[in-house]
Amino acid sequence: MTDHDQSAAALGVDDSVTVTLWRPVGQGELDAVASSRWRAWPLRLPDQPIFSAALDRRLAVRSCRERIVPAEGVDT
C-alpha cells in the first residue's frame, strides 16, 4: 500500500469515485490552460484570489458572474 493509499484510506476517501470540480475562469486563463493542451493551470497572479473549486456547476456559474466577469470588464 502506497503512502497515498494509506492517507486516502485514513480520510475515508474512495479513489475509485470520480468527482468533478468546477473552476470558473476568465478568457485569459482558459486560453492559457488550452495552450498547455489542457494539462496545466497557469500560475496564479498576485492579485488573483486563491483557487476555490466548486462541487456544483450552479455555484461555479454564480461565482463567475459575481467575481470574474466584473474583473474582466464585461457587462452582463
PDB file of N, CA and C in Angstrom:
ATOM      1  N   MET A   1       0.853  -1.180   0.000  1.00  0.00           N
ATOM      2  CA  MET A   1       0.000   0.000   0.000  1.00  0.00           C
ATOM      3  C   MET A   1       0.897   1.242   0.000  1.00  0.00           C
ATOM      4  N   THR A   2       0.616   2.178  -0.903  1.00  0.00           N
ATOM      5  CA  THR A   2       1.419   3.391  -1.002  1.00  0.00           C
ATOM      6  C   THR A   2       1.026   4.385   0.088  1.00  0.00           C
ATOM      7  N   ASP A   3       1.869   5.421   0.262  1.00  0.00           N
ATOM      8  CA  ASP A   3       1.545   6.479   1.229  1.00  0.00           C
ATOM      9  C   ASP A   3       0.219   7.140   0.874  1.00  0.00           C
ATOM     10  N   HIS A   4       0.001   7.356  -0.441  1.00  0.00           N
ATOM     11  CA  HIS A   4      -1.254   7.969  -0.885  1.00  0.00           C
ATOM     12  C   HIS A   4      -2.443   7.086  -0.504  1.00  0.00           C
ATOM     13  N   ASP A   5      -2.306   5.781  -0.751  1.00  0.00           N
ATOM     14  CA  ASP A   5      -3.397   4.860  -0.423  1.00  0.00           C
ATOM     15  C   ASP A   5      -3.691   4.876   1.069  1.00  0.00           C
ATOM     16  N   GLN A   6      -2.648   4.907   1.883  1.00  0.00           N
ATOM     17  CA  GLN A   6      -2.835   4.927   3.338  1.00  0.00           C
ATOM     18  C   GLN A   6      -3.510   6.224   3.778  1.00  0.00           C
ATOM     19  N   SER A   7      -3.080   7.366   3.205  1.00  0.00           N
ATOM     20  CA  SER A   7      -3.679   8.650   3.553  1.00  0.00           C
ATOM     21  C   SER A   7      -5.137   8.697   3.140  1.00  0.00           C
ATOM     22  N   ALA A   8      -5.419   8.236   1.928  1.00  0.00           N
ATOM     23  CA  ALA A   8      -6.793   8.237   1.431  1.00  0.00           C
ATOM     24  C   ALA A   8      -7.668   7.342   2.298  1.00  0.00           C
ATOM     25  N   ALA A   9      -7.154   6.188   2.658  1.00  0.00           N
ATOM     26  CA  ALA A   9      -7.927   5.267   3.489  1.00  0.00           C
ATOM     27  C   ALA A   9      -8.187   5.877   4.862  1.00  0.00           C
ATOM     28  N   ALA A  10      -7.194   6.556   5.421  1.00  0.00           N
ATOM     29  CA  ALA A  10      -7.358   7.172   6.739  1.00  0.00           C
ATOM     30  C   ALA A  10      -8.421   8.264   6.710  1.00  0.00           C
ATOM     31  N   LEU A  11      -8.556   8.942   5.582  1.00  0.00           N
ATOM     32  CA  LEU A  11      -9.547  10.004   5.453  1.00  0.00           C
ATOM     33  C   LEU A  11     -10.902   9.492   4.976  1.00  0.00           C
ATOM     34  N   GLY A  12     -10.976   8.220   4.669  1.00  0.00           N
ATOM     35  CA  GLY A  12     -12.225   7.662   4.181  1.00  0.00           C
ATOM     36  C   GLY A  12     -12.507   8.039   2.736  1.00  0.00           C
ATOM     37  N   VAL A  13     -11.440   8.298   1.955  1.00  0.00           N
ATOM     38  CA  VAL A  13     -11.592   8.701   0.559  1.00  0.00           C
ATOM     39  C   VAL A  13     -11.622   7.461  -0.312  1.00  0.00           C
ATOM     40  N   ASP A  14     -12.564   7.432  -1.230  1.00  0.00           N
ATOM     41  CA  ASP A  14     -12.675   6.332  -2.185  1.00  0.00           C
ATOM     42  C   ASP A  14     -12.103   6.791  -3.513  1.00  0.00           C
ATOM     43  N   ASP A  15     -10.887   6.353  -3.848  1.00  0.00           N
ATOM     44  CA  ASP A  15     -10.226   6.780  -5.084  1.00  0.00           C
ATOM     45  C   ASP A  15     -10.899   6.259  -6.344  1.00  0.00           C
ATOM     46  N   SER A  16     -11.837   5.327  -6.213  1.00  0.00           N
ATOM     47  CA  SER A  16     -12.493   4.797  -7.402  1.00  0.00           C
ATOM     48  C   SER A  16     -13.641   5.689  -7.861  1.00  0.00           C
ATOM     49  N   VAL A  17     -13.963   6.721  -7.091  1.00  0.00           N
ATOM     50  CA  VAL A  17     -15.052   7.622  -7.432  1.00  0.00           C
ATOM     51  C   VAL A  17     -14.486   8.871  -8.103  1.00  0.00           C
ATOM     52  N   THR A  18     -15.074   9.250  -9.216  1.00  0.00           N
ATOM     53  CA  THR A  18     -14.669  10.469  -9.914  1.00  0.00           C
ATOM     54  C   THR A  18     -15.507  11.631  -9.408  1.00  0.00           C
ATOM     55  N   VAL A  19     -14.831  12.718  -9.052  1.00  0.00           N
ATOM     56  CA  VAL A  19     -15.516  13.920  -8.586  1.00  0.00           C
ATOM     57  C   VAL A  19     -15.183  15.042  -9.566  1.00  0.00           C
ATOM     58  N   THR A  20     -16.196  15.713 -10.061  1.00  0.00           N
ATOM     59  CA  THR A  20     -15.990  16.835 -10.968  1.00  0.00           C
ATOM     60  C   THR A  20     -15.906  18.114 -10.161  1.00  0.00           C
ATOM     61  N   LEU A  21     -14.818  18.848 -10.345  1.00  0.00           N
ATOM     62  CA  LEU A  21     -14.653  20.150  -9.711  1.00  0.00           C
ATOM     63  C   LEU A  21     -14.815  21.214 -10.783  1.00  0.00           C
ATOM     64  N   TRP A  22     -15.622  22.190 -10.515  1.00  0.00           N
ATOM     65  CA  TRP A  22     -15.857  23.297 -11.445  1.00  0.00           C
ATOM     66  C   TRP A  22     -14.992  24.467 -11.013  1.00  0.00           C
ATOM     67  N   ARG A  23     -14.280  25.045 -11.961  1.00  0.00           N
ATOM     68  CA  ARG A  23     -13.443  26.193 -11.654  1.00  0.00           C
ATOM     69  C   ARG A  23     -13.783  27.321 -12.623  1.00  0.00           C
ATOM     70  N   PRO A  24     -14.438  28.342 -12.142  1.00  0.00           N
ATOM     71  CA  PRO A  24     -14.746  29.456 -13.033  1.00  0.00           C
ATOM     72  C   PRO A  24     -13.472  30.199 -13.419  1.00  0.00           C
ATOM     73  N   VAL A  25     -13.318  30.458 -14.713  1.00  0.00           N
ATOM     74  CA  VAL A  25     -12.117  31.141 -15.204  1.00  0.00           C
ATOM     75  C   VAL A  25     -12.499  32.222 -16.209  1.00  0.00           C
ATOM     76  N   GLY A  26     -11.627  33.184 -16.355  1.00  0.00           N
ATOM     77  CA  GLY A  26     -11.784  34.194 -17.392  1.00  0.00           C
ATOM     78  C   GLY A  26     -11.169  33.690 -18.691  1.00  0.00           C
ATOM     79  N   GLN A  27     -11.364  34.450 -19.758  1.00  0.00           N
ATOM     80  CA  GLN A  27     -10.884  34.020 -21.073  1.00  0.00           C
ATOM     81  C   GLN A  27      -9.369  33.854 -21.106  1.00  0.00           C
ATOM     82  N   GLY A  28      -8.629  34.754 -20.463  1.00  0.00           N
ATOM     83  CA  GLY A  28      -7.171  34.651 -20.469  1.00  0.00           C
ATOM     84  C   GLY A  28      -6.673  33.372 -19.821  1.00  0.00           C
ATOM     85  N   GLU A  29      -7.268  33.029 -18.688  1.00  0.00           N
ATOM     86  CA  GLU A  29      -6.868  31.802 -18.003  1.00  0.00           C
ATOM     87  C   GLU A  29      -7.277  30.574 -18.813  1.00  0.00           C
ATOM     88  N   LEU A  30      -8.463  30.607 -19.419  1.00  0.00           N
ATOM     89  CA  LEU A  30      -8.906  29.495 -20.253  1.00  0.00           C
ATOM     90  C   LEU A  30      -7.960  29.295 -21.438  1.00  0.00           C
ATOM     91  N   ASP A  31      -7.531  30.387 -22.054  1.00  0.00           N
ATOM     92  CA  ASP A  31      -6.584  30.301 -23.171  1.00  0.00           C
ATOM     93  C   ASP A  31      -5.257  29.693 -22.728  1.00  0.00           C
ATOM     94  N   ALA A  32      -4.801  30.051 -21.523  1.00  0.00           N
ATOM     95  CA  ALA A  32      -3.539  29.502 -21.006  1.00  0.00           C
ATOM     96  C   ALA A  32      -3.658  27.999 -20.754  1.00  0.00           C
ATOM     97  N   VAL A  33      -4.785  27.571 -20.221  1.00  0.00           N
ATOM     98  CA  VAL A  33      -4.995  26.132 -19.990  1.00  0.00           C
ATOM     99  C   VAL A  33      -5.036  25.407 -21.334  1.00  0.00           C
ATOM    100  N   ALA A  34      -5.733  25.979 -22.311  1.00  0.00           N
ATOM    101  CA  ALA A  34      -5.813  25.356 -23.633  1.00  0.00           C
ATOM    102  C   ALA A  34      -4.426  25.248 -24.275  1.00  0.00           C
ATOM    103  N   SER A  35      -3.593  26.272 -24.101  1.00  0.00           N
ATOM    104  CA  SER A  35      -2.257  26.240 -24.706  1.00  0.00           C
ATOM    105  C   SER A  35      -1.361  25.184 -24.062  1.00  0.00           C
ATOM    106  N   SER A  36      -1.725  24.730 -22.868  1.00  0.00           N
ATOM    107  CA  SER A  36      -0.964  23.651 -22.215  1.00  0.00           C
ATOM    108  C   SER A  36      -1.504  22.283 -22.616  1.00  0.00           C
ATOM    109  N   ARG A  37      -2.394  22.276 -23.613  1.00  0.00           N
ATOM    110  CA  ARG A  37      -3.073  21.061 -24.058  1.00  0.00           C
ATOM    111  C   ARG A  37      -3.960  20.495 -22.956  1.00  0.00           C
ATOM    112  N   TRP A  38      -4.529  21.396 -22.169  1.00  0.00           N
ATOM    113  CA  TRP A  38      -5.476  21.068 -21.094  1.00  0.00           C
ATOM    114  C   TRP A  38      -4.828  20.234 -19.991  1.00  0.00           C
ATOM    115  N   ARG A  39      -3.515  20.413 -19.787  1.00  0.00           N
ATOM    116  CA  ARG A  39      -2.807  19.615 -18.787  1.00  0.00           C
ATOM    117  C   ARG A  39      -2.316  20.406 -17.578  1.00  0.00           C
ATOM    118  N   ALA A  40      -2.402  21.744 -17.618  1.00  0.00           N
ATOM    119  CA  ALA A  40      -1.852  22.532 -16.515  1.00  0.00           C
ATOM    120  C   ALA A  40      -2.593  23.851 -16.364  1.00  0.00           C
ATOM    121  N   TRP A  41      -2.649  24.321 -15.146  1.00  0.00           N
ATOM    122  CA  TRP A  41      -3.198  25.646 -14.862  1.00  0.00           C
ATOM    123  C   TRP A  41      -2.053  26.640 -14.834  1.00  0.00           C
ATOM    124  N   PRO A  42      -2.280  27.849 -15.313  1.00  0.00           N
ATOM    125  CA  PRO A  42      -1.222  28.865 -15.236  1.00  0.00           C
ATOM    126  C   PRO A  42      -0.980  29.258 -13.780  1.00  0.00           C
ATOM    127  N   LEU A  43       0.188  29.831 -13.523  1.00  0.00           N
ATOM    128  CA  LEU A  43       0.481  30.301 -12.175  1.00  0.00           C
ATOM    129  C   LEU A  43      -0.512  31.394 -11.793  1.00  0.00           C
ATOM    130  N   ARG A  44      -0.850  31.425 -10.543  1.00  0.00           N
ATOM    131  CA  ARG A  44      -1.786  32.431 -10.042  1.00  0.00           C
ATOM    132  C   ARG A  44      -1.102  33.785 -10.031  1.00  0.00           C
ATOM    133  N   LEU A  45      -1.821  34.802 -10.509  1.00  0.00           N
ATOM    134  CA  LEU A  45      -1.286  36.162 -10.490  1.00  0.00           C
ATOM    135  C   LEU A  45      -1.398  36.723  -9.074  1.00  0.00           C
ATOM    136  N   PRO A  46      -0.539  37.678  -8.706  1.00  0.00           N
ATOM    137  CA  PRO A  46      -0.560  38.208  -7.336  1.00  0.00           C
ATOM    138  C   PRO A  46      -1.925  38.764  -6.909  1.00  0.00           C
ATOM    139  N   ASP A  47      -2.672  39.329  -7.859  1.00  0.00           N
ATOM    140  CA  ASP A  47      -3.964  39.910  -7.492  1.00  0.00           C
ATOM    141  C   ASP A  47      -5.130  38.923  -7.593  1.00  0.00           C
ATOM    142  N   GLN A  48      -4.839  37.681  -7.985  1.00  0.00           N
ATOM    143  CA  GLN A  48      -5.901  36.680  -8.082  1.00  0.00           C
ATOM    144  C   GLN A  48      -6.189  36.080  -6.715  1.00  0.00           C
ATOM    145  N   PRO A  49      -7.465  35.826  -6.433  1.00  0.00           N
ATOM    146  CA  PRO A  49      -7.777  35.135  -5.183  1.00  0.00           C
ATOM    147  C   PRO A  49      -7.296  33.682  -5.249  1.00  0.00           C
ATOM    148  N   ILE A  50      -7.170  33.066  -4.118  1.00  0.00           N
ATOM    149  CA  ILE A  50      -6.783  31.656  -4.056  1.00  0.00           C
ATOM    150  C   ILE A  50      -7.855  30.841  -4.765  1.00  0.00           C
ATOM    151  N   PHE A  51      -7.414  29.851  -5.523  1.00  0.00           N
ATOM    152  CA  PHE A  51      -8.324  28.980  -6.259  1.00  0.00           C
ATOM    153  C   PHE A  51      -9.277  28.286  -5.303  1.00  0.00           C
ATOM    154  N   SER A  52     -10.537  28.343  -5.631  1.00  0.00           N
ATOM    155  CA  SER A  52     -11.525  27.590  -4.867  1.00  0.00           C
ATOM    156  C   SER A  52     -12.469  26.917  -5.846  1.00  0.00           C
ATOM    157  N   ALA A  53     -12.362  25.627  -5.900  1.00  0.00           N
ATOM    158  CA  ALA A  53     -13.209  24.855  -6.814  1.00  0.00           C
ATOM    159  C   ALA A  53     -14.609  24.749  -6.239  1.00  0.00           C
ATOM    160  N   ALA A  54     -15.547  24.546  -7.116  1.00  0.00           N
ATOM    161  CA  ALA A  54     -16.931  24.344  -6.691  1.00  0.00           C
ATOM    162  C   ALA A  54     -17.333  22.925  -7.073  1.00  0.00           C
ATOM    163  N   LEU A  55     -18.061  22.284  -6.195  1.00  0.00           N
ATOM    164  CA  LEU A  55     -18.553  20.940  -6.480  1.00  0.00           C
ATOM    165  C   LEU A  55     -19.848  20.979  -7.280  1.00  0.00           C
ATOM    166  N   ASP A  56     -20.421  22.147  -7.419  1.00  0.00           N
ATOM    167  CA  ASP A  56     -21.706  22.309  -8.069  1.00  0.00           C
ATOM    168  C   ASP A  56     -21.568  23.314  -9.217  1.00  0.00           C
ATOM    169  N   ARG A  57     -22.059  22.967 -10.384  1.00  0.00           N
ATOM    170  CA  ARG A  57     -21.944  23.842 -11.550  1.00  0.00           C
ATOM    171  C   ARG A  57     -22.644  25.175 -11.321  1.00  0.00           C
ATOM    172  N   ARG A  58     -23.802  25.148 -10.683  1.00  0.00           N
ATOM    173  CA  ARG A  58     -24.531  26.397 -10.445  1.00  0.00           C
ATOM    174  C   ARG A  58     -23.730  27.364  -9.584  1.00  0.00           C
ATOM    175  N   LEU A  59     -23.050  26.850  -8.577  1.00  0.00           N
ATOM    176  CA  LEU A  59     -22.211  27.695  -7.727  1.00  0.00           C
ATOM    177  C   LEU A  59     -21.045  28.275  -8.532  1.00  0.00           C
ATOM    178  N   ALA A  60     -20.454  27.474  -9.405  1.00  0.00           N
ATOM    179  CA  ALA A  60     -19.351  27.953 -10.235  1.00  0.00           C
ATOM    180  C   ALA A  60     -19.817  29.066 -11.176  1.00  0.00           C
ATOM    181  N   VAL A  61     -21.005  28.903 -11.754  1.00  0.00           N
ATOM    182  CA  VAL A  61     -21.545  29.936 -12.653  1.00  0.00           C
ATOM    183  C   VAL A  61     -21.797  31.225 -11.880  1.00  0.00           C
ATOM    184  N   ARG A  62     -22.384  31.102 -10.692  1.00  0.00           N
ATOM    185  CA  ARG A  62     -22.646  32.290  -9.878  1.00  0.00           C
ATOM    186  C   ARG A  62     -21.343  32.991  -9.501  1.00  0.00           C
ATOM    187  N   SER A  63     -20.350  32.209  -9.121  1.00  0.00           N
ATOM    188  CA  SER A  63     -19.049  32.769  -8.758  1.00  0.00           C
ATOM    189  C   SER A  63     -18.430  33.502  -9.948  1.00  0.00           C
ATOM    190  N   CYS A  64     -18.558  32.916 -11.104  1.00  0.00           N
ATOM    191  CA  CYS A  64     -18.014  33.533 -12.316  1.00  0.00           C
ATOM    192  C   CYS A  64     -18.711  34.859 -12.594  1.00  0.00           C
ATOM    193  N   ARG A  65     -20.021  34.871 -12.493  1.00  0.00           N
ATOM    194  CA  ARG A  65     -20.782  36.099 -12.758  1.00  0.00           C
ATOM    195  C   ARG A  65     -20.458  37.191 -11.745  1.00  0.00           C
ATOM    196  N   GLU A  66     -20.260  36.800 -10.497  1.00  0.00           N
ATOM    197  CA  GLU A  66     -20.042  37.787  -9.440  1.00  0.00           C
ATOM    198  C   GLU A  66     -18.605  38.273  -9.344  1.00  0.00           C
ATOM    199  N   ARG A  67     -17.631  37.423  -9.687  1.00  0.00           N
ATOM    200  CA  ARG A  67     -16.229  37.792  -9.492  1.00  0.00           C
ATOM    201  C   ARG A  67     -15.454  37.956 -10.788  1.00  0.00           C
ATOM    202  N   ILE A  68     -15.539  36.997 -11.667  1.00  0.00           N
ATOM    203  CA  ILE A  68     -14.676  37.012 -12.837  1.00  0.00           C
ATOM    204  C   ILE A  68     -15.175  37.974 -13.902  1.00  0.00           C
ATOM    205  N   VAL A  69     -16.460  37.954 -14.188  1.00  0.00           N
ATOM    206  CA  VAL A  69     -16.993  38.827 -15.233  1.00  0.00           C
ATOM    207  C   VAL A  69     -16.710  40.295 -14.910  1.00  0.00           C
ATOM    208  N   PRO A  70     -17.018  40.773 -13.686  1.00  0.00           N
ATOM    209  CA  PRO A  70     -16.690  42.175 -13.393  1.00  0.00           C
ATOM    210  C   PRO A  70     -15.182  42.464 -13.445  1.00  0.00           C
ATOM    211  N   ALA A  71     -14.374  41.532 -13.008  1.00  0.00           N
ATOM    212  CA  ALA A  71     -12.920  41.725 -13.012  1.00  0.00           C
ATOM    213  C   ALA A  71     -12.374  41.833 -14.431  1.00  0.00           C
ATOM    214  N   GLU A  72     -13.020  41.161 -15.371  1.00  0.00           N
ATOM    215  CA  GLU A  72     -12.567  41.173 -16.770  1.00  0.00           C
ATOM    216  C   GLU A  72     -13.172  42.350 -17.531  1.00  0.00           C
ATOM    217  N   GLY A  73     -14.034  43.125 -16.867  1.00  0.00           N
ATOM    218  CA  GLY A  73     -14.615  44.288 -17.511  1.00  0.00           C
ATOM    219  C   GLY A  73     -15.723  43.997 -18.493  1.00  0.00           C
ATOM    220  N   VAL A  74     -16.430  42.896 -18.279  1.00  0.00           N
ATOM    221  CA  VAL A  74     -17.525  42.509 -19.172  1.00  0.00           C
ATOM    222  C   VAL A  74     -18.847  42.851 -18.514  1.00  0.00           C
ATOM    223  N   ASP A  75     -19.739  43.472 -19.257  1.00  0.00           N
ATOM    224  CA  ASP A  75     -21.074  43.755 -18.731  1.00  0.00           C
ATOM    225  C   ASP A  75     -21.971  42.562 -18.935  1.00  0.00           C
ATOM    226  N   THR A  76     -22.828  42.306 -17.962  1.00  0.00           N
ATOM    227  CA  THR A  76     -23.778  41.193 -18.110  1.00  0.00           C
ATOM    228  C   THR A  76     -25.178  41.724 -18.254  1.00  0.00           C
TER     229      THR A  76
END
